[in-house]
PDB file of all heavy atoms in Angstrom:
ATOM      1  N   ALA A   1    -122.039 -42.876 141.573  1.00  0.00           N
ATOM      2  CA  ALA A   1    -123.352 -42.926 140.926  1.00  0.00           C
ATOM      3  C   ALA A   1    -123.324 -43.790 139.670  1.00  0.00           C
ATOM      4  O   ALA A   1    -124.298 -44.480 139.352  1.00  0.00           O
ATOM      5  CB  ALA A   1    -123.810 -41.515 140.578  1.00  0.00           C
ATOM      6  N   ARG A   2    -122.197 -43.750 138.951  1.00  0.00           N
ATOM      7  CA  ARG A   2    -122.099 -44.502 137.699  1.00  0.00           C
ATOM      8  C   ARG A   2    -121.362 -45.830 137.868  1.00  0.00           C
ATOM      9  O   ARG A   2    -121.447 -46.710 137.020  1.00  0.00           O
ATOM     10  CB  ARG A   2    -121.417 -43.629 136.637  1.00  0.00           C
ATOM     11  CG  ARG A   2    -122.263 -42.393 136.313  1.00  0.00           C
ATOM     12  CD  ARG A   2    -121.535 -41.364 135.472  1.00  0.00           C
ATOM     13  NE  ARG A   2    -121.323 -41.807 134.104  1.00  0.00           N
ATOM     14  CZ  ARG A   2    -120.834 -41.017 133.139  1.00  0.00           C
ATOM     15  NH1 ARG A   2    -120.525 -39.756 133.418  1.00  0.00           N
ATOM     16  NH2 ARG A   2    -120.654 -41.485 131.924  1.00  0.00           N
ATOM     17  N   GLY A   3    -120.597 -45.956 138.946  1.00  0.00           N
ATOM     18  CA  GLY A   3    -119.972 -47.235 139.260  1.00  0.00           C
ATOM     19  C   GLY A   3    -118.692 -47.523 138.513  1.00  0.00           C
ATOM     20  O   GLY A   3    -118.349 -48.688 138.298  1.00  0.00           O
ATOM     21  N   TYR A   4    -117.940 -46.480 138.131  1.00  0.00           N
ATOM     22  CA  TYR A   4    -116.652 -46.693 137.482  1.00  0.00           C
ATOM     23  C   TYR A   4    -115.844 -45.396 137.537  1.00  0.00           C
ATOM     24  O   TYR A   4    -116.358 -44.336 137.899  1.00  0.00           O
ATOM     25  CB  TYR A   4    -116.806 -47.162 136.029  1.00  0.00           C
ATOM     26  CG  TYR A   4    -117.856 -46.413 135.222  1.00  0.00           C
ATOM     27  CD1 TYR A   4    -117.664 -45.093 134.822  1.00  0.00           C
ATOM     28  CD2 TYR A   4    -119.047 -47.042 134.850  1.00  0.00           C
ATOM     29  CE1 TYR A   4    -118.621 -44.421 134.086  1.00  0.00           C
ATOM     30  CE2 TYR A   4    -120.009 -46.384 134.112  1.00  0.00           C
ATOM     31  CZ  TYR A   4    -119.789 -45.073 133.727  1.00  0.00           C
ATOM     32  OH  TYR A   4    -120.733 -44.407 133.007  1.00  0.00           O
ATOM     33  N   HIS A   5    -114.560 -45.524 137.155  1.00  0.00           N
ATOM     34  CA  HIS A   5    -113.672 -44.368 137.087  1.00  0.00           C
ATOM     35  C   HIS A   5    -113.852 -43.654 135.750  1.00  0.00           C
ATOM     36  O   HIS A   5    -113.952 -44.300 134.696  1.00  0.00           O
ATOM     37  CB  HIS A   5    -112.206 -44.798 137.226  1.00  0.00           C
ATOM     38  CG  HIS A   5    -111.856 -45.336 138.569  1.00  0.00           C
ATOM     39  ND1 HIS A   5    -112.009 -46.671 138.901  1.00  0.00           N
ATOM     40  CD2 HIS A   5    -111.353 -44.731 139.674  1.00  0.00           C
ATOM     41  CE1 HIS A   5    -111.607 -46.862 140.142  1.00  0.00           C
ATOM     42  NE2 HIS A   5    -111.221 -45.708 140.641  1.00  0.00           N
ATOM     43  N   LEU A   6    -113.876 -42.338 135.799  1.00  0.00           N
ATOM     44  CA  LEU A   6    -113.882 -41.516 134.596  1.00  0.00           C
ATOM     45  C   LEU A   6    -112.447 -41.125 134.258  1.00  0.00           C
ATOM     46  O   LEU A   6    -111.557 -41.166 135.111  1.00  0.00           O
ATOM     47  CB  LEU A   6    -114.781 -40.306 134.799  1.00  0.00           C
ATOM     48  CG  LEU A   6    -116.271 -40.705 134.916  1.00  0.00           C
ATOM     49  CD1 LEU A   6    -117.082 -39.628 135.604  1.00  0.00           C
ATOM     50  CD2 LEU A   6    -116.854 -41.025 133.547  1.00  0.00           C
ATOM     51  N   HIS A   7    -112.245 -40.745 133.017  1.00  0.00           N
ATOM     52  CA  HIS A   7    -110.882 -40.648 132.500  1.00  0.00           C
ATOM     53  C   HIS A   7    -110.031 -39.595 133.206  1.00  0.00           C
ATOM     54  O   HIS A   7    -108.865 -39.842 133.514  1.00  0.00           O
ATOM     55  CB  HIS A   7    -110.935 -40.363 130.992  1.00  0.00           C
ATOM     56  CG  HIS A   7    -109.597 -40.150 130.366  1.00  0.00           C
ATOM     57  ND1 HIS A   7    -109.389 -39.315 129.308  1.00  0.00           N
ATOM     58  CD2 HIS A   7    -108.377 -40.656 130.673  1.00  0.00           C
ATOM     59  CE1 HIS A   7    -108.111 -39.321 128.974  1.00  0.00           C
ATOM     60  NE2 HIS A   7    -107.473 -40.123 129.778  1.00  0.00           N
ATOM     61  N   ALA A   8    -110.556 -38.422 133.455  1.00  0.00           N
ATOM     62  CA  ALA A   8    -109.714 -37.330 133.932  1.00  0.00           C
ATOM     63  C   ALA A   8    -110.474 -36.441 134.908  1.00  0.00           C
ATOM     64  O   ALA A   8    -111.715 -36.413 134.917  1.00  0.00           O
ATOM     65  CB  ALA A   8    -109.210 -36.504 132.749  1.00  0.00           C
ATOM     66  N   TRP A   9    -109.704 -35.707 135.714  1.00  0.00           N
ATOM     67  CA  TRP A   9    -110.269 -34.801 136.714  1.00  0.00           C
ATOM     68  C   TRP A   9    -109.505 -33.483 136.668  1.00  0.00           C
ATOM     69  O   TRP A   9    -108.272 -33.469 136.665  1.00  0.00           O
ATOM     70  CB  TRP A   9    -110.155 -35.428 138.103  1.00  0.00           C
ATOM     71  CG  TRP A   9    -110.519 -34.498 139.226  1.00  0.00           C
ATOM     72  CD1 TRP A   9    -111.748 -33.981 139.508  1.00  0.00           C
ATOM     73  CD2 TRP A   9    -109.632 -33.985 140.237  1.00  0.00           C
ATOM     74  NE1 TRP A   9    -111.690 -33.180 140.623  1.00  0.00           N
ATOM     75  CE2 TRP A   9    -110.407 -33.164 141.097  1.00  0.00           C
ATOM     76  CE3 TRP A   9    -108.268 -34.148 140.501  1.00  0.00           C
ATOM     77  CZ2 TRP A   9    -109.852 -32.507 142.194  1.00  0.00           C
ATOM     78  CZ3 TRP A   9    -107.712 -33.493 141.589  1.00  0.00           C
ATOM     79  CH2 TRP A   9    -108.512 -32.678 142.430  1.00  0.00           C
ATOM     80  N   ASP A  10    -110.253 -32.388 136.607  1.00  0.00           N
ATOM     81  CA  ASP A  10    -109.678 -31.038 136.603  1.00  0.00           C
ATOM     82  C   ASP A  10    -110.008 -30.382 137.939  1.00  0.00           C
ATOM     83  O   ASP A  10    -111.169 -30.088 138.223  1.00  0.00           O
ATOM     84  CB  ASP A  10    -110.265 -30.237 135.433  1.00  0.00           C
ATOM     85  CG  ASP A  10    -109.915 -28.760 135.499  1.00  0.00           C
ATOM     86  OD1 ASP A  10    -108.921 -28.401 136.162  1.00  0.00           O
ATOM     87  OD2 ASP A  10    -110.650 -27.962 134.889  1.00  0.00           O
ATOM     88  N   GLU A  11    -108.982 -30.171 138.748  1.00  0.00           N
ATOM     89  CA  GLU A  11    -109.206 -29.605 140.080  1.00  0.00           C
ATOM     90  C   GLU A  11    -109.872 -28.239 140.012  1.00  0.00           C
ATOM     91  O   GLU A  11    -110.731 -27.910 140.839  1.00  0.00           O
ATOM     92  CB  GLU A  11    -107.878 -29.498 140.834  1.00  0.00           C
ATOM     93  CG  GLU A  11    -108.040 -28.959 142.246  1.00  0.00           C
ATOM     94  CD  GLU A  11    -106.729 -28.898 143.023  1.00  0.00           C
ATOM     95  OE1 GLU A  11    -105.672 -28.666 142.405  1.00  0.00           O
ATOM     96  OE2 GLU A  11    -106.767 -29.076 144.260  1.00  0.00           O
ATOM     97  N   LYS A  12    -109.514 -27.435 139.021  1.00  0.00           N
ATOM     98  CA  LYS A  12    -110.044 -26.069 138.912  1.00  0.00           C
ATOM     99  C   LYS A  12    -111.398 -26.011 138.191  1.00  0.00           C
ATOM    100  O   LYS A  12    -112.041 -24.967 138.169  1.00  0.00           O
ATOM    101  CB  LYS A  12    -109.046 -25.174 138.174  1.00  0.00           C
ATOM    102  CG  LYS A  12    -107.686 -25.081 138.846  1.00  0.00           C
ATOM    103  CD  LYS A  12    -107.752 -24.425 140.211  1.00  0.00           C
ATOM    104  CE  LYS A  12    -106.341 -24.196 140.756  1.00  0.00           C
ATOM    105  NZ  LYS A  12    -106.349 -23.692 142.138  1.00  0.00           N
ATOM    106  N   LYS A  13    -111.790 -27.111 137.563  1.00  0.00           N
ATOM    107  CA  LYS A  13    -113.086 -27.189 136.865  1.00  0.00           C
ATOM    108  C   LYS A  13    -113.211 -26.155 135.752  1.00  0.00           C
ATOM    109  O   LYS A  13    -114.290 -25.612 135.492  1.00  0.00           O
ATOM    110  CB  LYS A  13    -114.248 -27.046 137.856  1.00  0.00           C
ATOM    111  CG  LYS A  13    -114.193 -28.031 139.030  1.00  0.00           C
ATOM    112  CD  LYS A  13    -115.341 -27.801 139.994  1.00  0.00           C
ATOM    113  CE  LYS A  13    -115.317 -28.761 141.167  1.00  0.00           C
ATOM    114  NZ  LYS A  13    -114.145 -28.586 142.050  1.00  0.00           N
ATOM    115  N   THR A  14    -112.089 -25.866 135.083  1.00  0.00           N
ATOM    116  CA  THR A  14    -112.095 -24.851 134.030  1.00  0.00           C
ATOM    117  C   THR A  14    -111.991 -25.419 132.630  1.00  0.00           C
ATOM    118  O   THR A  14    -112.251 -24.702 131.656  1.00  0.00           O
ATOM    119  CB  THR A  14    -110.934 -23.857 134.241  1.00  0.00           C
ATOM    120  OG1 THR A  14    -109.698 -24.583 134.250  1.00  0.00           O
ATOM    121  CG2 THR A  14    -111.093 -23.093 135.547  1.00  0.00           C
ATOM    122  N   GLN A  15    -111.587 -26.698 132.487  1.00  0.00           N
ATOM    123  CA  GLN A  15    -111.450 -27.283 131.154  1.00  0.00           C
ATOM    124  C   GLN A  15    -112.826 -27.439 130.496  1.00  0.00           C
ATOM    125  O   GLN A  15    -113.835 -27.643 131.183  1.00  0.00           O
ATOM    126  CB  GLN A  15    -110.753 -28.642 131.235  1.00  0.00           C
ATOM    127  CG  GLN A  15    -109.330 -28.582 131.743  1.00  0.00           C
ATOM    128  CD  GLN A  15    -108.436 -27.709 130.885  1.00  0.00           C
ATOM    129  OE1 GLN A  15    -108.453 -27.806 129.650  1.00  0.00           O
ATOM    130  NE2 GLN A  15    -107.668 -26.838 131.522  1.00  0.00           N
ATOM    131  N   PHE A  16    -112.861 -27.359 129.178  1.00  0.00           N
ATOM    132  CA  PHE A  16    -114.144 -27.430 128.471  1.00  0.00           C
ATOM    133  C   PHE A  16    -114.858 -28.746 128.737  1.00  0.00           C
ATOM    134  O   PHE A  16    -116.082 -28.821 128.685  1.00  0.00           O
ATOM    135  CB  PHE A  16    -113.932 -27.223 126.962  1.00  0.00           C
ATOM    136  CG  PHE A  16    -113.293 -28.393 126.260  1.00  0.00           C
ATOM    137  CD1 PHE A  16    -114.072 -29.390 125.686  1.00  0.00           C
ATOM    138  CD2 PHE A  16    -111.903 -28.499 126.178  1.00  0.00           C
ATOM    139  CE1 PHE A  16    -113.492 -30.467 125.036  1.00  0.00           C
ATOM    140  CE2 PHE A  16    -111.319 -29.581 125.536  1.00  0.00           C
ATOM    141  CZ  PHE A  16    -112.109 -30.565 124.970  1.00  0.00           C
ATOM    142  N   TRP A  17    -114.075 -29.802 129.022  1.00  0.00           N
ATOM    143  CA  TRP A  17    -114.673 -31.123 129.227  1.00  0.00           C
ATOM    144  C   TRP A  17    -115.075 -31.374 130.677  1.00  0.00           C
ATOM    145  O   TRP A  17    -115.710 -32.379 130.983  1.00  0.00           O
ATOM    146  CB  TRP A  17    -113.719 -32.230 128.764  1.00  0.00           C
ATOM    147  CG  TRP A  17    -112.289 -32.077 129.236  1.00  0.00           C
ATOM    148  CD1 TRP A  17    -111.235 -31.626 128.504  1.00  0.00           C
ATOM    149  CD2 TRP A  17    -111.763 -32.399 130.534  1.00  0.00           C
ATOM    150  NE1 TRP A  17    -110.080 -31.634 129.255  1.00  0.00           N
ATOM    151  CE2 TRP A  17    -110.383 -32.104 130.514  1.00  0.00           C
ATOM    152  CE3 TRP A  17    -112.315 -32.899 131.722  1.00  0.00           C
ATOM    153  CZ2 TRP A  17    -109.540 -32.299 131.618  1.00  0.00           C
ATOM    154  CZ3 TRP A  17    -111.493 -33.090 132.821  1.00  0.00           C
ATOM    155  CH2 TRP A  17    -110.118 -32.790 132.770  1.00  0.00           C
ATOM    156  N   ALA A  18    -114.674 -30.475 131.576  1.00  0.00           N
ATOM    157  CA  ALA A  18    -114.838 -30.742 133.010  1.00  0.00           C
ATOM    158  C   ALA A  18    -116.245 -30.382 133.487  1.00  0.00           C
ATOM    159  O   ALA A  18    -116.756 -29.293 133.211  1.00  0.00           O
ATOM    160  CB  ALA A  18    -113.809 -29.951 133.801  1.00  0.00           C
ATOM    161  N   ASP A  19    -116.851 -31.305 134.213  1.00  0.00           N
ATOM    162  CA  ASP A  19    -118.127 -31.030 134.868  1.00  0.00           C
ATOM    163  C   ASP A  19    -117.935 -29.885 135.857  1.00  0.00           C
ATOM    164  O   ASP A  19    -116.983 -29.871 136.644  1.00  0.00           O
ATOM    165  CB  ASP A  19    -118.605 -32.288 135.600  1.00  0.00           C
ATOM    166  CG  ASP A  19    -119.961 -32.105 136.249  1.00  0.00           C
ATOM    167  OD1 ASP A  19    -119.988 -31.545 137.367  1.00  0.00           O
ATOM    168  OD2 ASP A  19    -120.971 -32.530 135.663  1.00  0.00           O
ATOM    169  N   LYS A  20    -118.839 -28.913 135.837  1.00  0.00           N
ATOM    170  CA  LYS A  20    -118.660 -27.710 136.651  1.00  0.00           C
ATOM    171  C   LYS A  20    -118.819 -27.993 138.143  1.00  0.00           C
ATOM    172  O   LYS A  20    -118.393 -27.196 138.978  1.00  0.00           O
ATOM    173  CB  LYS A  20    -119.649 -26.621 136.209  1.00  0.00           C
ATOM    174  CG  LYS A  20    -119.442 -26.150 134.772  1.00  0.00           C
ATOM    175  CD  LYS A  20    -117.984 -25.788 134.493  1.00  0.00           C
ATOM    176  CE  LYS A  20    -117.752 -25.402 133.039  1.00  0.00           C
ATOM    177  NZ  LYS A  20    -116.313 -25.238 132.729  1.00  0.00           N
ATOM    178  N   GLN A  21    -119.425 -29.114 138.494  1.00  0.00           N
ATOM    179  CA  GLN A  21    -119.579 -29.467 139.906  1.00  0.00           C
ATOM    180  C   GLN A  21    -118.458 -30.385 140.397  1.00  0.00           C
ATOM    181  O   GLN A  21    -117.920 -30.204 141.484  1.00  0.00           O
ATOM    182  CB  GLN A  21    -120.934 -30.171 140.128  1.00  0.00           C
ATOM    183  CG  GLN A  21    -122.130 -29.354 139.694  1.00  0.00           C
ATOM    184  CD  GLN A  21    -122.204 -28.005 140.396  1.00  0.00           C
ATOM    185  OE1 GLN A  21    -122.023 -27.924 141.610  1.00  0.00           O
ATOM    186  NE2 GLN A  21    -122.452 -26.951 139.632  1.00  0.00           N
ATOM    187  N   THR A  22    -118.102 -31.370 139.583  1.00  0.00           N
ATOM    188  CA  THR A  22    -117.139 -32.392 140.027  1.00  0.00           C
ATOM    189  C   THR A  22    -115.755 -32.231 139.426  1.00  0.00           C
ATOM    190  O   THR A  22    -114.784 -32.773 139.958  1.00  0.00           O
ATOM    191  CB  THR A  22    -117.652 -33.797 139.656  1.00  0.00           C
ATOM    192  OG1 THR A  22    -117.666 -33.917 138.215  1.00  0.00           O
ATOM    193  CG2 THR A  22    -119.038 -34.040 140.219  1.00  0.00           C
ATOM    194  N   GLY A  23    -115.642 -31.543 138.288  1.00  0.00           N
ATOM    195  CA  GLY A  23    -114.373 -31.452 137.575  1.00  0.00           C
ATOM    196  C   GLY A  23    -114.055 -32.668 136.732  1.00  0.00           C
ATOM    197  O   GLY A  23    -112.985 -32.745 136.113  1.00  0.00           O
ATOM    198  N   LEU A  24    -114.979 -33.630 136.656  1.00  0.00           N
ATOM    199  CA  LEU A  24    -114.723 -34.873 135.951  1.00  0.00           C
ATOM    200  C   LEU A  24    -115.019 -34.767 134.456  1.00  0.00           C
ATOM    201  O   LEU A  24    -115.898 -34.023 134.031  1.00  0.00           O
ATOM    202  CB  LEU A  24    -115.578 -35.996 136.540  1.00  0.00           C
ATOM    203  CG  LEU A  24    -115.097 -36.574 137.879  1.00  0.00           C
ATOM    204  CD1 LEU A  24    -116.165 -37.472 138.481  1.00  0.00           C
ATOM    205  CD2 LEU A  24    -113.799 -37.334 137.687  1.00  0.00           C
ATOM    206  N   SER A  25    -114.267 -35.549 133.682  1.00  0.00           N
ATOM    207  CA  SER A  25    -114.584 -35.694 132.267  1.00  0.00           C
ATOM    208  C   SER A  25    -115.879 -36.485 132.126  1.00  0.00           C
ATOM    209  O   SER A  25    -116.270 -37.217 133.042  1.00  0.00           O
ATOM    210  CB  SER A  25    -113.436 -36.411 131.545  1.00  0.00           C
ATOM    211  OG  SER A  25    -113.185 -37.670 132.129  1.00  0.00           O
ATOM    212  N   PRO A  26    -116.572 -36.359 130.994  1.00  0.00           N
ATOM    213  CA  PRO A  26    -117.909 -36.953 130.897  1.00  0.00           C
ATOM    214  C   PRO A  26    -117.930 -38.458 130.717  1.00  0.00           C
ATOM    215  O   PRO A  26    -118.945 -39.089 131.025  1.00  0.00           O
ATOM    216  CB  PRO A  26    -118.509 -36.258 129.673  1.00  0.00           C
ATOM    217  CG  PRO A  26    -117.338 -35.811 128.870  1.00  0.00           C
ATOM    218  CD  PRO A  26    -116.256 -35.488 129.841  1.00  0.00           C
ATOM    219  N   ASN A  27    -116.834 -39.057 130.213  1.00  0.00           N
ATOM    220  CA  ASN A  27    -116.895 -40.462 129.811  1.00  0.00           C
ATOM    221  C   ASN A  27    -115.803 -41.307 130.456  1.00  0.00           C
ATOM    222  O   ASN A  27    -114.716 -40.814 130.766  1.00  0.00           O
ATOM    223  CB  ASN A  27    -116.749 -40.582 128.289  1.00  0.00           C
ATOM    224  CG  ASN A  27    -117.895 -39.945 127.549  1.00  0.00           C
ATOM    225  OD1 ASN A  27    -119.051 -40.239 127.815  1.00  0.00           O
ATOM    226  ND2 ASN A  27    -117.583 -39.041 126.630  1.00  0.00           N
ATOM    227  N   PRO A  28    -116.084 -42.597 130.607  1.00  0.00           N
ATOM    228  CA  PRO A  28    -115.021 -43.547 130.935  1.00  0.00           C
ATOM    229  C   PRO A  28    -114.324 -43.973 129.648  1.00  0.00           C
ATOM    230  O   PRO A  28    -114.966 -44.125 128.606  1.00  0.00           O
ATOM    231  CB  PRO A  28    -115.778 -44.729 131.558  1.00  0.00           C
ATOM    232  CG  PRO A  28    -117.094 -44.719 130.844  1.00  0.00           C
ATOM    233  CD  PRO A  28    -117.400 -43.269 130.530  1.00  0.00           C
ATOM    234  N   TRP A  29    -113.033 -44.171 129.721  1.00  0.00           N
ATOM    235  CA  TRP A  29    -112.238 -44.627 128.575  1.00  0.00           C
ATOM    236  C   TRP A  29    -111.554 -45.912 128.995  1.00  0.00           C
ATOM    237  O   TRP A  29    -110.771 -45.919 129.950  1.00  0.00           O
ATOM    238  CB  TRP A  29    -111.218 -43.551 128.206  1.00  0.00           C
ATOM    239  CG  TRP A  29    -110.331 -43.884 127.044  1.00  0.00           C
ATOM    240  CD1 TRP A  29    -110.673 -44.556 125.905  1.00  0.00           C
ATOM    241  CD2 TRP A  29    -108.947 -43.535 126.900  1.00  0.00           C
ATOM    242  NE1 TRP A  29    -109.599 -44.657 125.056  1.00  0.00           N
ATOM    243  CE2 TRP A  29    -108.515 -44.034 125.650  1.00  0.00           C
ATOM    244  CE3 TRP A  29    -108.038 -42.847 127.694  1.00  0.00           C
ATOM    245  CZ2 TRP A  29    -107.214 -43.877 125.177  1.00  0.00           C
ATOM    246  CZ3 TRP A  29    -106.735 -42.689 127.233  1.00  0.00           C
ATOM    247  CH2 TRP A  29    -106.332 -43.186 125.987  1.00  0.00           C
ATOM    248  N   SER A  30    -111.849 -47.000 128.320  1.00  0.00           N
ATOM    249  CA  SER A  30    -111.377 -48.301 128.789  1.00  0.00           C
ATOM    250  C   SER A  30    -109.861 -48.363 128.875  1.00  0.00           C
ATOM    251  O   SER A  30    -109.310 -48.940 129.819  1.00  0.00           O
ATOM    252  CB  SER A  30    -111.900 -49.416 127.881  1.00  0.00           C
ATOM    253  OG  SER A  30    -113.283 -49.593 128.070  1.00  0.00           O
ATOM    254  N   ARG A  31    -109.167 -47.769 127.903  1.00  0.00           N
ATOM    255  CA  ARG A  31    -107.717 -47.873 127.976  1.00  0.00           C
ATOM    256  C   ARG A  31    -107.173 -47.153 129.208  1.00  0.00           C
ATOM    257  O   ARG A  31    -106.221 -47.602 129.838  1.00  0.00           O
ATOM    258  CB  ARG A  31    -107.059 -47.344 126.703  1.00  0.00           C
ATOM    259  CG  ARG A  31    -105.654 -47.939 126.514  1.00  0.00           C
ATOM    260  CD  ARG A  31    -104.925 -47.364 125.334  1.00  0.00           C
ATOM    261  NE  ARG A  31    -105.736 -47.340 124.147  1.00  0.00           N
ATOM    262  CZ  ARG A  31    -105.437 -46.594 123.087  1.00  0.00           C
ATOM    263  NH1 ARG A  31    -104.387 -45.802 123.097  1.00  0.00           N
ATOM    264  NH2 ARG A  31    -106.206 -46.616 122.020  1.00  0.00           N
ATOM    265  N   SER A  32    -107.774 -46.037 129.584  1.00  0.00           N
ATOM    266  CA  SER A  32    -107.279 -45.340 130.773  1.00  0.00           C
ATOM    267  C   SER A  32    -107.576 -46.136 132.044  1.00  0.00           C
ATOM    268  O   SER A  32    -106.771 -46.156 132.978  1.00  0.00           O
ATOM    269  CB  SER A  32    -107.874 -43.934 130.867  1.00  0.00           C
ATOM    270  OG  SER A  32    -109.242 -43.966 131.214  1.00  0.00           O
ATOM    271  N   ILE A  33    -108.718 -46.810 132.085  1.00  0.00           N
ATOM    272  CA  ILE A  33    -108.999 -47.691 133.221  1.00  0.00           C
ATOM    273  C   ILE A  33    -107.962 -48.811 133.254  1.00  0.00           C
ATOM    274  O   ILE A  33    -107.493 -49.221 134.324  1.00  0.00           O
ATOM    275  CB  ILE A  33    -110.432 -48.248 133.131  1.00  0.00           C
ATOM    276  CG1 ILE A  33    -111.451 -47.112 133.273  1.00  0.00           C
ATOM    277  CG2 ILE A  33    -110.677 -49.313 134.203  1.00  0.00           C
ATOM    278  CD1 ILE A  33    -112.893 -47.527 132.998  1.00  0.00           C
ATOM    279  N   GLY A  34    -107.565 -49.288 132.071  1.00  0.00           N
ATOM    280  CA  GLY A  34    -106.519 -50.303 131.995  1.00  0.00           C
ATOM    281  C   GLY A  34    -105.181 -49.804 132.492  1.00  0.00           C
ATOM    282  O   GLY A  34    -104.473 -50.505 133.237  1.00  0.00           O
ATOM    283  N   TRP A  35    -104.809 -48.576 132.121  1.00  0.00           N
ATOM    284  CA  TRP A  35    -103.551 -48.006 132.636  1.00  0.00           C
ATOM    285  C   TRP A  35    -103.591 -47.950 134.171  1.00  0.00           C
ATOM    286  O   TRP A  35    -102.606 -48.274 134.844  1.00  0.00           O
ATOM    287  CB  TRP A  35    -103.353 -46.590 132.106  1.00  0.00           C
ATOM    288  CG  TRP A  35    -103.016 -46.394 130.664  1.00  0.00           C
ATOM    289  CD1 TRP A  35    -103.679 -45.595 129.770  1.00  0.00           C
ATOM    290  CD2 TRP A  35    -101.921 -46.963 129.915  1.00  0.00           C
ATOM    291  NE1 TRP A  35    -103.068 -45.636 128.539  1.00  0.00           N
ATOM    292  CE2 TRP A  35    -101.986 -46.464 128.595  1.00  0.00           C
ATOM    293  CE3 TRP A  35    -100.889 -47.845 130.259  1.00  0.00           C
ATOM    294  CZ2 TRP A  35    -101.064 -46.818 127.616  1.00  0.00           C
ATOM    295  CZ3 TRP A  35     -99.966 -48.205 129.270  1.00  0.00           C
ATOM    296  CH2 TRP A  35    -100.066 -47.692 127.972  1.00  0.00           C
ATOM    297  N   TYR A  36    -104.720 -47.532 134.700  1.00  0.00           N
ATOM    298  CA  TYR A  36    -104.845 -47.398 136.153  1.00  0.00           C
ATOM    299  C   TYR A  36    -104.735 -48.765 136.832  1.00  0.00           C
ATOM    300  O   TYR A  36    -104.005 -48.921 137.822  1.00  0.00           O
ATOM    301  CB  TYR A  36    -106.186 -46.745 136.484  1.00  0.00           C
ATOM    302  CG  TYR A  36    -106.425 -46.481 137.959  1.00  0.00           C
ATOM    303  CD1 TYR A  36    -105.576 -45.652 138.690  1.00  0.00           C
ATOM    304  CD2 TYR A  36    -107.516 -47.031 138.610  1.00  0.00           C
ATOM    305  CE1 TYR A  36    -105.805 -45.398 140.032  1.00  0.00           C
ATOM    306  CE2 TYR A  36    -107.756 -46.782 139.949  1.00  0.00           C
ATOM    307  CZ  TYR A  36    -106.899 -45.963 140.654  1.00  0.00           C
ATOM    308  OH  TYR A  36    -107.127 -45.722 141.984  1.00  0.00           O
TER     309      TYR A  36
END
């Protein structure tokens, strides 16, 4: 939907930053996209 990779994913969806539906962090971080 947003057209890029987001920084992190929580399989259990329990982290404070994790989307309750997808487990994804809310933002893309350019350096992490660079590491990938």
